[in-house]
Amino acid sequence: MARVTWMAERARRFGEAGDAVGARDLYAAALPLAIRAFGDDAPVTLTVRLNLAHWTWKAGDGQAAKSQFDALLPVLERVSGPEDPDTLFVRSAHARLVGDAGDPARARDELLSLVPVYERVLGPEHPDTLSALYGVAHWSRETGNVADAMARLRALVPVQERVCGAEDSRTLTTRRSLAYWTGLAGDPAEARDEYAALVPVLERLRGVEDPDTLSARRSLARWTGVAGDPTAAHGQLVALLADLERVRGADHPDTVAARSDLAAWAEESGAAGDRE
């Protein structure tokens, strides 16, 4: 028992430190020991199986993780109950993996069936419920129903701001998704304004060199230009390109893409000769 506990604790620390592979491998080594010591259906064993699937997923093997979650779910439903938090987590993770595997409609439908359970068990404004609602919007969007996704995201943002906080990472993720799809849906001015509000928050919370910050700055420039101000877009990209070259390197795909954007907006703004 002590060895299983030690291995699980060490695996947990590996995961928290960002070593998904190390966490996965330790949980994999702990699982047969847990089965031998406690049995297949013991809470300790089920927790190890849950964490093994989770860190297998985080280590990049979605197919193996989906198989592990598929095998674990009926056991959890039988032993812990269909409304146990671990059971709900596995159902949510399974939906995400189904979507990642190329079936967004099934992922959306699995989450749609899960949301009322979350609302009943955890409450309509519990963070896990809100995360499930975001997942419904995400996979709805991936099926091509942009209008439905945007309506769901617009309804979700104020709730997340009130419950999780305006600067919570989940709230910011929802706002970024909404800004992105607002632009693609044909409202570049609104997308520009949403990114303009997001960028300083990301810079303050995550730093100017954070990938999400740099990505939001590029999107801000894009929608600024599409909204009718190519000169401002060009200026934003000049500053962004310098940061990308310094942080990511001249040949990084993000840098190359920003350089291409800069050339396009330079031509639009009449500033094409500025960098010659």
C-alpha atoms as a PDB file:
ATOM      1  CA  MET A   1       0.000   0.000   0.000  1.00  0.00           C
ATOM      2  CA  ALA A   2       2.745   2.419   0.968  1.00  0.00           C
ATOM      3  CA  ARG A   3       4.547   1.861  -2.341  1.00  0.00           C
ATOM      4  CA  VAL A   4       1.434   2.559  -4.393  1.00  0.00           C
ATOM      5  CA  THR A   5       0.768   5.726  -2.398  1.00  0.00           C
ATOM      6  CA  TRP A   6       4.370   6.875  -2.829  1.00  0.00           C
ATOM      7  CA  MET A   7       4.325   6.228  -6.583  1.00  0.00           C
ATOM      8  CA  ALA A   8       0.980   7.993  -7.048  1.00  0.00           C
ATOM      9  CA  GLU A   9       2.176  11.021  -5.087  1.00  0.00           C
ATOM     10  CA  ARG A  10       5.401  11.177  -7.052  1.00  0.00           C
ATOM     11  CA  ALA A  11       3.456  10.865 -10.318  1.00  0.00           C
ATOM     12  CA  ARG A  12       1.175  13.690  -9.234  1.00  0.00           C
ATOM     13  CA  ARG A  13       4.181  15.911  -8.605  1.00  0.00           C
ATOM     14  CA  PHE A  14       5.648  15.034 -11.991  1.00  0.00           C
ATOM     15  CA  GLY A  15       2.398  16.061 -13.636  1.00  0.00           C
ATOM     16  CA  GLU A  16       2.153  19.317 -11.722  1.00  0.00           C
ATOM     17  CA  ALA A  17       5.733  20.124 -12.751  1.00  0.00           C
ATOM     18  CA  GLY A  18       4.809  19.676 -16.415  1.00  0.00           C
ATOM     19  CA  ASP A  19       6.274  16.207 -16.942  1.00  0.00           C
ATOM     20  CA  ALA A  20       3.257  14.448 -18.449  1.00  0.00           C
ATOM     21  CA  VAL A  21       5.306  11.511 -19.725  1.00  0.00           C
ATOM     22  CA  GLY A  22       6.901  10.941 -16.328  1.00  0.00           C
ATOM     23  CA  ALA A  23       3.494  11.116 -14.621  1.00  0.00           C
ATOM     24  CA  ARG A  24       1.990   8.690 -17.130  1.00  0.00           C
ATOM     25  CA  ASP A  25       4.804   6.184 -16.738  1.00  0.00           C
ATOM     26  CA  LEU A  26       4.664   6.229 -12.947  1.00  0.00           C
ATOM     27  CA  TYR A  27       0.896   5.754 -12.899  1.00  0.00           C
ATOM     28  CA  ALA A  28       1.302   2.905 -15.406  1.00  0.00           C
ATOM     29  CA  ALA A  29       3.827   1.254 -13.074  1.00  0.00           C
ATOM     30  CA  ALA A  30       1.588   1.818 -10.042  1.00  0.00           C
ATOM     31  CA  LEU A  31      -1.543   0.319 -11.616  1.00  0.00           C
ATOM     32  CA  PRO A  32      -0.669  -3.425 -11.390  1.00  0.00           C
ATOM     33  CA  LEU A  33       0.542  -2.895  -7.826  1.00  0.00           C
ATOM     34  CA  ALA A  34      -2.754  -1.221  -6.923  1.00  0.00           C
ATOM     35  CA  ILE A  35      -4.785  -4.011  -8.521  1.00  0.00           C
ATOM     36  CA  ARG A  36      -2.771  -6.653  -6.683  1.00  0.00           C
ATOM     37  CA  ALA A  37      -2.962  -4.877  -3.332  1.00  0.00           C
ATOM     38  CA  PHE A  38      -6.525  -3.522  -3.387  1.00  0.00           C
ATOM     39  CA  GLY A  39      -8.475  -5.143  -6.228  1.00  0.00           C
ATOM     40  CA  ASP A  40      -9.871  -3.927  -9.525  1.00  0.00           C
ATOM     41  CA  ASP A  41     -12.729  -1.831  -8.125  1.00  0.00           C
ATOM     42  CA  ALA A  42     -11.023  -0.249  -5.129  1.00  0.00           C
ATOM     43  CA  PRO A  43     -11.048   3.556  -4.967  1.00  0.00           C
ATOM     44  CA  VAL A  44      -7.229   3.648  -4.992  1.00  0.00           C
ATOM     45  CA  THR A  45      -7.109   1.536  -8.150  1.00  0.00           C
ATOM     46  CA  LEU A  46      -9.773   3.601  -9.901  1.00  0.00           C
ATOM     47  CA  THR A  47      -7.944   6.812  -9.027  1.00  0.00           C
ATOM     48  CA  VAL A  48      -4.714   5.432 -10.479  1.00  0.00           C
ATOM     49  CA  ARG A  49      -6.561   4.376 -13.665  1.00  0.00           C
ATOM     50  CA  LEU A  50      -8.159   7.796 -13.959  1.00  0.00           C
ATOM     51  CA  ASN A  51      -4.844   9.565 -13.581  1.00  0.00           C
ATOM     52  CA  LEU A  52      -3.138   7.183 -15.983  1.00  0.00           C
ATOM     53  CA  ALA A  53      -5.706   8.000 -18.672  1.00  0.00           C
ATOM     54  CA  HIS A  54      -5.462  11.726 -17.926  1.00  0.00           C
ATOM     55  CA  TRP A  55      -1.675  11.884 -18.171  1.00  0.00           C
ATOM     56  CA  THR A  56      -1.628   9.588 -21.189  1.00  0.00           C
ATOM     57  CA  TRP A  57      -3.841  12.209 -22.826  1.00  0.00           C
ATOM     58  CA  LYS A  58      -1.643  15.088 -21.685  1.00  0.00           C
ATOM     59  CA  ALA A  59       1.435  13.224 -22.950  1.00  0.00           C
ATOM     60  CA  GLY A  60      -0.044  13.376 -26.441  1.00  0.00           C
ATOM     61  CA  ASP A  61      -1.515   9.906 -26.962  1.00  0.00           C
ATOM     62  CA  GLY A  62      -5.189  10.719 -27.373  1.00  0.00           C
ATOM     63  CA  GLN A  63      -6.066   7.359 -28.906  1.00  0.00           C
ATOM     64  CA  ALA A  64      -4.656   5.397 -25.975  1.00  0.00           C
ATOM     65  CA  ALA A  65      -6.257   7.780 -23.494  1.00  0.00           C
ATOM     66  CA  LYS A  66      -9.649   7.387 -25.181  1.00  0.00           C
ATOM     67  CA  SER A  67      -9.348   3.603 -24.911  1.00  0.00           C
ATOM     68  CA  GLN A  68      -8.451   3.919 -21.226  1.00  0.00           C
ATOM     69  CA  PHE A  69     -11.375   6.255 -20.537  1.00  0.00           C
ATOM     70  CA  ASP A  70     -13.714   3.965 -22.527  1.00  0.00           C
ATOM     71  CA  ALA A  71     -12.741   1.029 -20.315  1.00  0.00           C
ATOM     72  CA  LEU A  72     -12.895   3.039 -17.104  1.00  0.00           C
ATOM     73  CA  LEU A  73     -16.257   4.753 -17.584  1.00  0.00           C
ATOM     74  CA  PRO A  74     -18.583   1.727 -17.077  1.00  0.00           C
ATOM     75  CA  VAL A  75     -16.595   0.708 -14.008  1.00  0.00           C
ATOM     76  CA  LEU A  76     -16.945   4.162 -12.471  1.00  0.00           C
ATOM     77  CA  GLU A  77     -20.654   4.271 -13.300  1.00  0.00           C
ATOM     78  CA  ARG A  78     -21.116   0.906 -11.570  1.00  0.00           C
ATOM     79  CA  VAL A  79     -18.866   1.462  -8.556  1.00  0.00           C
ATOM     80  CA  SER A  80     -19.044   5.215  -7.917  1.00  0.00           C
ATOM     81  CA  GLY A  81     -22.317   6.078  -9.625  1.00  0.00           C
ATOM     82  CA  PRO A  82     -23.209   7.978 -12.801  1.00  0.00           C
ATOM     83  CA  GLU A  83     -23.145  11.354 -11.036  1.00  0.00           C
ATOM     84  CA  ASP A  84     -19.873  10.965  -9.161  1.00  0.00           C
ATOM     85  CA  PRO A  85     -17.390  13.775  -9.993  1.00  0.00           C
ATOM     86  CA  ASP A  86     -14.843  11.289 -11.356  1.00  0.00           C
ATOM     87  CA  THR A  87     -17.484   9.730 -13.610  1.00  0.00           C
ATOM     88  CA  LEU A  88     -18.471  13.164 -14.892  1.00  0.00           C
ATOM     89  CA  PHE A  89     -14.817  14.058 -15.518  1.00  0.00           C
ATOM     90  CA  VAL A  90     -14.316  10.906 -17.579  1.00  0.00           C
ATOM     91  CA  ARG A  91     -17.438  11.621 -19.637  1.00  0.00           C
ATOM     92  CA  SER A  92     -16.233  15.167 -20.299  1.00  0.00           C
ATOM     93  CA  ALA A  93     -12.742  14.010 -21.236  1.00  0.00           C
ATOM     94  CA  HIS A  94     -14.193  11.338 -23.503  1.00  0.00           C
ATOM     95  CA  ALA A  95     -16.223  13.950 -25.377  1.00  0.00           C
ATOM     96  CA  ARG A  96     -13.134  16.071 -25.904  1.00  0.00           C
ATOM     97  CA  LEU A  97     -11.163  13.104 -27.225  1.00  0.00           C
ATOM     98  CA  VAL A  98     -13.987  12.119 -29.568  1.00  0.00           C
ATOM     99  CA  GLY A  99     -13.942  15.634 -30.984  1.00  0.00           C
ATOM    100  CA  ASP A 100     -10.176  15.671 -31.299  1.00  0.00           C
ATOM    101  CA  ALA A 101     -10.423  12.365 -33.188  1.00  0.00           C
ATOM    102  CA  GLY A 102     -12.573  14.020 -35.844  1.00  0.00           C
ATOM    103  CA  ASP A 103     -16.195  13.668 -34.717  1.00  0.00           C
ATOM    104  CA  PRO A 104     -17.253  17.134 -33.481  1.00  0.00           C
ATOM    105  CA  ALA A 105     -20.979  16.391 -33.751  1.00  0.00           C
ATOM    106  CA  ARG A 106     -20.683  13.422 -31.383  1.00  0.00           C
ATOM    107  CA  ALA A 107     -18.486  15.449 -29.015  1.00  0.00           C
ATOM    108  CA  ARG A 108     -21.088  18.234 -28.961  1.00  0.00           C
ATOM    109  CA  ASP A 109     -23.927  15.786 -28.343  1.00  0.00           C
ATOM    110  CA  GLU A 110     -22.056  13.997 -25.529  1.00  0.00           C
ATOM    111  CA  LEU A 111     -21.485  17.316 -23.795  1.00  0.00           C
ATOM    112  CA  LEU A 112     -25.067  18.446 -24.390  1.00  0.00           C
ATOM    113  CA  SER A 113     -26.238  15.342 -22.535  1.00  0.00           C
ATOM    114  CA  LEU A 114     -23.697  15.981 -19.779  1.00  0.00           C
ATOM    115  CA  VAL A 115     -24.565  19.643 -19.105  1.00  0.00           C
ATOM    116  CA  PRO A 116     -27.921  18.998 -17.345  1.00  0.00           C
ATOM    117  CA  VAL A 117     -26.208  16.430 -15.116  1.00  0.00           C
ATOM    118  CA  TYR A 118     -23.546  18.987 -14.179  1.00  0.00           C
ATOM    119  CA  GLU A 119     -26.247  21.581 -13.547  1.00  0.00           C
ATOM    120  CA  ARG A 120     -28.166  19.218 -11.275  1.00  0.00           C
ATOM    121  CA  VAL A 121     -25.185  17.783  -9.392  1.00  0.00           C
ATOM    122  CA  LEU A 122     -22.790  20.731  -9.220  1.00  0.00           C
ATOM    123  CA  GLY A 123     -25.018  23.694  -9.992  1.00  0.00           C
ATOM    124  CA  PRO A 124     -25.578  25.773 -13.142  1.00  0.00           C
ATOM    125  CA  GLU A 125     -22.676  28.112 -12.388  1.00  0.00           C
ATOM    126  CA  HIS A 126     -20.082  25.630 -11.161  1.00  0.00           C
ATOM    127  CA  PRO A 127     -16.792  26.055 -13.086  1.00  0.00           C
ATOM    128  CA  ASP A 128     -17.047  22.491 -14.419  1.00  0.00           C
ATOM    129  CA  THR A 129     -20.551  23.201 -15.712  1.00  0.00           C
ATOM    130  CA  LEU A 130     -19.290  26.347 -17.422  1.00  0.00           C
ATOM    131  CA  SER A 131     -16.392  24.420 -18.940  1.00  0.00           C
ATOM    132  CA  ALA A 132     -18.863  21.899 -20.358  1.00  0.00           C
ATOM    133  CA  LEU A 133     -20.913  24.758 -21.826  1.00  0.00           C
ATOM    134  CA  TYR A 134     -17.773  26.117 -23.457  1.00  0.00           C
ATOM    135  CA  GLY A 135     -17.122  22.664 -24.887  1.00  0.00           C
ATOM    136  CA  VAL A 136     -20.609  22.571 -26.405  1.00  0.00           C
ATOM    137  CA  ALA A 137     -19.942  25.921 -28.099  1.00  0.00           C
ATOM    138  CA  HIS A 138     -16.525  24.808 -29.298  1.00  0.00           C
ATOM    139  CA  TRP A 139     -17.722  21.588 -30.891  1.00  0.00           C
ATOM    140  CA  SER A 140     -20.836  23.250 -32.273  1.00  0.00           C
ATOM    141  CA  ARG A 141     -18.529  25.666 -34.031  1.00  0.00           C
ATOM    142  CA  GLU A 142     -16.434  22.782 -35.345  1.00  0.00           C
ATOM    143  CA  THR A 143     -19.550  21.268 -36.936  1.00  0.00           C
ATOM    144  CA  GLY A 144     -19.952  24.510 -38.869  1.00  0.00           C
ATOM    145  CA  ASN A 145     -22.736  26.053 -36.799  1.00  0.00           C
ATOM    146  CA  VAL A 146     -20.950  29.322 -36.099  1.00  0.00           C
ATOM    147  CA  ALA A 147     -24.121  31.234 -35.179  1.00  0.00           C
ATOM    148  CA  ASP A 148     -25.008  28.725 -32.460  1.00  0.00           C
ATOM    149  CA  ALA A 149     -21.452  28.718 -31.133  1.00  0.00           C
ATOM    150  CA  MET A 150     -21.273  32.508 -30.967  1.00  0.00           C
ATOM    151  CA  ALA A 151     -24.634  32.757 -29.205  1.00  0.00           C
ATOM    152  CA  ARG A 152     -23.443  30.261 -26.600  1.00  0.00           C
ATOM    153  CA  LEU A 153     -20.124  32.071 -26.125  1.00  0.00           C
ATOM    154  CA  ARG A 154     -21.808  35.464 -25.758  1.00  0.00           C
ATOM    155  CA  ALA A 155     -24.082  34.041 -23.068  1.00  0.00           C
ATOM    156  CA  LEU A 156     -21.160  32.348 -21.313  1.00  0.00           C
ATOM    157  CA  VAL A 157     -18.728  35.283 -21.041  1.00  0.00           C
ATOM    158  CA  PRO A 158     -20.648  37.380 -18.454  1.00  0.00           C
ATOM    159  CA  VAL A 159     -21.321  34.309 -16.312  1.00  0.00           C
ATOM    160  CA  GLN A 160     -17.638  33.332 -16.330  1.00  0.00           C
ATOM    161  CA  GLU A 161     -16.625  36.898 -15.542  1.00  0.00           C
ATOM    162  CA  ARG A 162     -18.921  36.919 -12.517  1.00  0.00           C
ATOM    163  CA  VAL A 163     -18.218  33.382 -11.280  1.00  0.00           C
ATOM    164  CA  CYS A 164     -14.585  32.741 -12.256  1.00  0.00           C
ATOM    165  CA  GLY A 165     -13.358  36.320 -12.565  1.00  0.00           C
ATOM    166  CA  ALA A 166     -12.716  38.553 -15.556  1.00  0.00           C
ATOM    167  CA  GLU A 167      -9.042  37.598 -15.615  1.00  0.00           C
ATOM    168  CA  ASP A 168      -9.436  33.855 -15.092  1.00  0.00           C
ATOM    169  CA  SER A 169      -7.799  31.789 -17.825  1.00  0.00           C
ATOM    170  CA  ARG A 170     -11.102  30.126 -18.726  1.00  0.00           C
ATOM    171  CA  THR A 171     -12.826  33.474 -19.131  1.00  0.00           C
ATOM    172  CA  LEU A 172     -10.005  34.749 -21.320  1.00  0.00           C
ATOM    173  CA  THR A 173     -10.127  31.608 -23.466  1.00  0.00           C
ATOM    174  CA  THR A 174     -13.838  32.136 -24.061  1.00  0.00           C
ATOM    175  CA  ARG A 175     -13.287  35.796 -24.918  1.00  0.00           C
ATOM    176  CA  ARG A 176     -10.514  34.908 -27.385  1.00  0.00           C
ATOM    177  CA  SER A 177     -12.725  32.332 -29.080  1.00  0.00           C
ATOM    178  CA  LEU A 178     -15.585  34.796 -29.301  1.00  0.00           C
ATOM    179  CA  ALA A 179     -13.338  37.498 -30.784  1.00  0.00           C
ATOM    180  CA  TYR A 180     -11.914  35.085 -33.352  1.00  0.00           C
ATOM    181  CA  TRP A 181     -15.284  33.841 -34.549  1.00  0.00           C
ATOM    182  CA  THR A 182     -16.797  37.309 -34.498  1.00  0.00           C
ATOM    183  CA  GLY A 183     -14.262  38.308 -37.133  1.00  0.00           C
ATOM    184  CA  LEU A 184     -14.816  35.221 -39.249  1.00  0.00           C
ATOM    185  CA  ALA A 185     -18.577  35.738 -39.026  1.00  0.00           C
ATOM    186  CA  GLY A 186     -18.171  39.087 -40.796  1.00  0.00           C
ATOM    187  CA  ASP A 187     -17.817  41.720 -38.078  1.00  0.00           C
ATOM    188  CA  PRO A 188     -14.150  42.769 -38.220  1.00  0.00           C
ATOM    189  CA  ALA A 189     -14.703  46.000 -36.273  1.00  0.00           C
ATOM    190  CA  GLU A 190     -16.208  44.135 -33.321  1.00  0.00           C
ATOM    191  CA  ALA A 191     -13.436  41.513 -33.497  1.00  0.00           C
ATOM    192  CA  ARG A 192     -10.836  44.317 -33.528  1.00  0.00           C
ATOM    193  CA  ASP A 193     -12.397  45.917 -30.466  1.00  0.00           C
ATOM    194  CA  GLU A 194     -12.584  42.611 -28.591  1.00  0.00           C
ATOM    195  CA  TYR A 195      -8.918  41.876 -29.289  1.00  0.00           C
ATOM    196  CA  ALA A 196      -7.965  45.447 -28.402  1.00  0.00           C
ATOM    197  CA  ALA A 197      -9.531  44.891 -24.972  1.00  0.00           C
ATOM    198  CA  LEU A 198      -7.902  41.470 -24.570  1.00  0.00           C
ATOM    199  CA  VAL A 199      -4.312  42.248 -25.532  1.00  0.00           C
ATOM    200  CA  PRO A 200      -3.429  44.540 -22.584  1.00  0.00           C
ATOM    201  CA  VAL A 201      -4.946  42.045 -20.145  1.00  0.00           C
ATOM    202  CA  LEU A 202      -2.882  39.199 -21.608  1.00  0.00           C
ATOM    203  CA  GLU A 203       0.247  41.349 -21.602  1.00  0.00           C
ATOM    204  CA  ARG A 204      -0.243  42.189 -17.939  1.00  0.00           C
ATOM    205  CA  LEU A 205      -1.181  38.687 -16.771  1.00  0.00           C
ATOM    206  CA  ARG A 206       1.019  36.494 -18.965  1.00  0.00           C
ATOM    207  CA  GLY A 207       3.672  38.826 -20.292  1.00  0.00           C
ATOM    208  CA  VAL A 208       4.407  40.266 -23.705  1.00  0.00           C
ATOM    209  CA  GLU A 209       6.303  37.142 -24.798  1.00  0.00           C
ATOM    210  CA  ASP A 210       3.576  34.621 -23.990  1.00  0.00           C
ATOM    211  CA  PRO A 211       2.344  32.679 -27.056  1.00  0.00           C
ATOM    212  CA  ASP A 212      -1.288  33.602 -26.389  1.00  0.00           C
ATOM    213  CA  THR A 213      -0.366  37.274 -26.117  1.00  0.00           C
ATOM    214  CA  LEU A 214       1.594  37.206 -29.368  1.00  0.00           C
ATOM    215  CA  SER A 215      -1.239  35.357 -31.126  1.00  0.00           C
ATOM    216  CA  ALA A 216      -3.807  37.884 -29.888  1.00  0.00           C
ATOM    217  CA  ARG A 217      -1.633  40.755 -31.118  1.00  0.00           C
ATOM    218  CA  ARG A 218      -1.482  39.216 -34.576  1.00  0.00           C
ATOM    219  CA  SER A 219      -5.257  38.803 -34.579  1.00  0.00           C
ATOM    220  CA  LEU A 220      -5.671  42.403 -33.455  1.00  0.00           C
ATOM    221  CA  ALA A 221      -3.578  43.558 -36.414  1.00  0.00           C
ATOM    222  CA  ARG A 222      -5.515  41.331 -38.787  1.00  0.00           C
ATOM    223  CA  TRP A 223      -8.926  42.612 -37.819  1.00  0.00           C
ATOM    224  CA  THR A 224      -7.694  46.194 -37.556  1.00  0.00           C
ATOM    225  CA  GLY A 225      -6.678  45.976 -41.190  1.00  0.00           C
ATOM    226  CA  VAL A 226      -9.808  44.183 -42.354  1.00  0.00           C
ATOM    227  CA  ALA A 227     -11.917  46.757 -40.491  1.00  0.00           C
ATOM    228  CA  GLY A 228     -10.434  49.443 -42.740  1.00  0.00           C
ATOM    229  CA  ASP A 229      -7.231  50.720 -41.132  1.00  0.00           C
ATOM    230  CA  PRO A 230      -4.294  49.098 -42.952  1.00  0.00           C
ATOM    231  CA  THR A 231      -1.887  51.744 -41.682  1.00  0.00           C
ATOM    232  CA  ALA A 232      -2.601  50.868 -38.039  1.00  0.00           C
ATOM    233  CA  ALA A 233      -2.415  47.160 -38.883  1.00  0.00           C
ATOM    234  CA  HIS A 234       0.981  47.713 -40.490  1.00  0.00           C
ATOM    235  CA  GLY A 235       2.272  49.548 -37.425  1.00  0.00           C
ATOM    236  CA  GLN A 236       1.044  46.829 -35.081  1.00  0.00           C
ATOM    237  CA  LEU A 237       2.739  44.161 -37.165  1.00  0.00           C
ATOM    238  CA  VAL A 238       6.046  46.030 -37.315  1.00  0.00           C
ATOM    239  CA  ALA A 239       6.171  45.946 -33.501  1.00  0.00           C
ATOM    240  CA  LEU A 240       4.923  42.351 -33.345  1.00  0.00           C
ATOM    241  CA  LEU A 241       7.416  41.068 -35.895  1.00  0.00           C
ATOM    242  CA  ALA A 242      10.332  42.507 -33.927  1.00  0.00           C
ATOM    243  CA  ASP A 243       9.101  40.710 -30.794  1.00  0.00           C
ATOM    244  CA  LEU A 244       8.518  37.434 -32.640  1.00  0.00           C
ATOM    245  CA  GLU A 245      11.974  37.504 -34.201  1.00  0.00           C
ATOM    246  CA  ARG A 246      13.475  38.054 -30.766  1.00  0.00           C
ATOM    247  CA  VAL A 247      11.345  35.528 -28.881  1.00  0.00           C
ATOM    248  CA  ARG A 248      10.668  32.812 -31.464  1.00  0.00           C
ATOM    249  CA  GLY A 249      13.398  33.337 -34.015  1.00  0.00           C
ATOM    250  CA  ALA A 250      13.287  34.545 -37.615  1.00  0.00           C
ATOM    251  CA  ASP A 251      12.324  31.162 -39.066  1.00  0.00           C
ATOM    252  CA  HIS A 252       9.573  30.163 -36.637  1.00  0.00           C
ATOM    253  CA  PRO A 253       6.240  29.573 -38.431  1.00  0.00           C
ATOM    254  CA  ASP A 254       4.540  32.309 -36.382  1.00  0.00           C
ATOM    255  CA  THR A 255       7.265  34.764 -37.339  1.00  0.00           C
ATOM    256  CA  VAL A 256       7.047  33.802 -40.990  1.00  0.00           C
ATOM    257  CA  ALA A 257       3.258  34.219 -40.939  1.00  0.00           C
ATOM    258  CA  ALA A 258       3.506  37.643 -39.289  1.00  0.00           C
ATOM    259  CA  ARG A 259       6.102  38.709 -41.847  1.00  0.00           C
ATOM    260  CA  SER A 260       3.701  37.722 -44.622  1.00  0.00           C
ATOM    261  CA  ASP A 261       0.903  39.681 -42.939  1.00  0.00           C
ATOM    262  CA  LEU A 262       3.187  42.695 -42.667  1.00  0.00           C
ATOM    263  CA  ALA A 263       4.002  42.611 -46.369  1.00  0.00           C
ATOM    264  CA  ALA A 264       0.306  42.427 -47.247  1.00  0.00           C
ATOM    265  CA  TRP A 265      -0.680  45.347 -45.027  1.00  0.00           C
ATOM    266  CA  ALA A 266       2.358  47.357 -46.095  1.00  0.00           C
ATOM    267  CA  GLU A 267       1.102  47.130 -49.652  1.00  0.00           C
ATOM    268  CA  GLU A 268      -2.431  48.057 -48.596  1.00  0.00           C
ATOM    269  CA  SER A 269      -1.251  51.034 -46.559  1.00  0.00           C
ATOM    270  CA  GLY A 270       1.287  52.293 -49.077  1.00  0.00           C
ATOM    271  CA  ALA A 271       4.134  51.598 -46.624  1.00  0.00           C
ATOM    272  CA  ALA A 272       5.763  48.925 -48.753  1.00  0.00           C
ATOM    273  CA  GLY A 273       8.914  50.966 -49.137  1.00  0.00           C
ATOM    274  CA  ASP A 274       9.366  51.571 -45.413  1.00  0.00           C
ATOM    275  CA  ARG A 275      11.333  48.345 -44.833  1.00  0.00           C
ATOM    276  CA  GLU A 276      13.356  48.455 -48.021  1.00  0.00           C
END
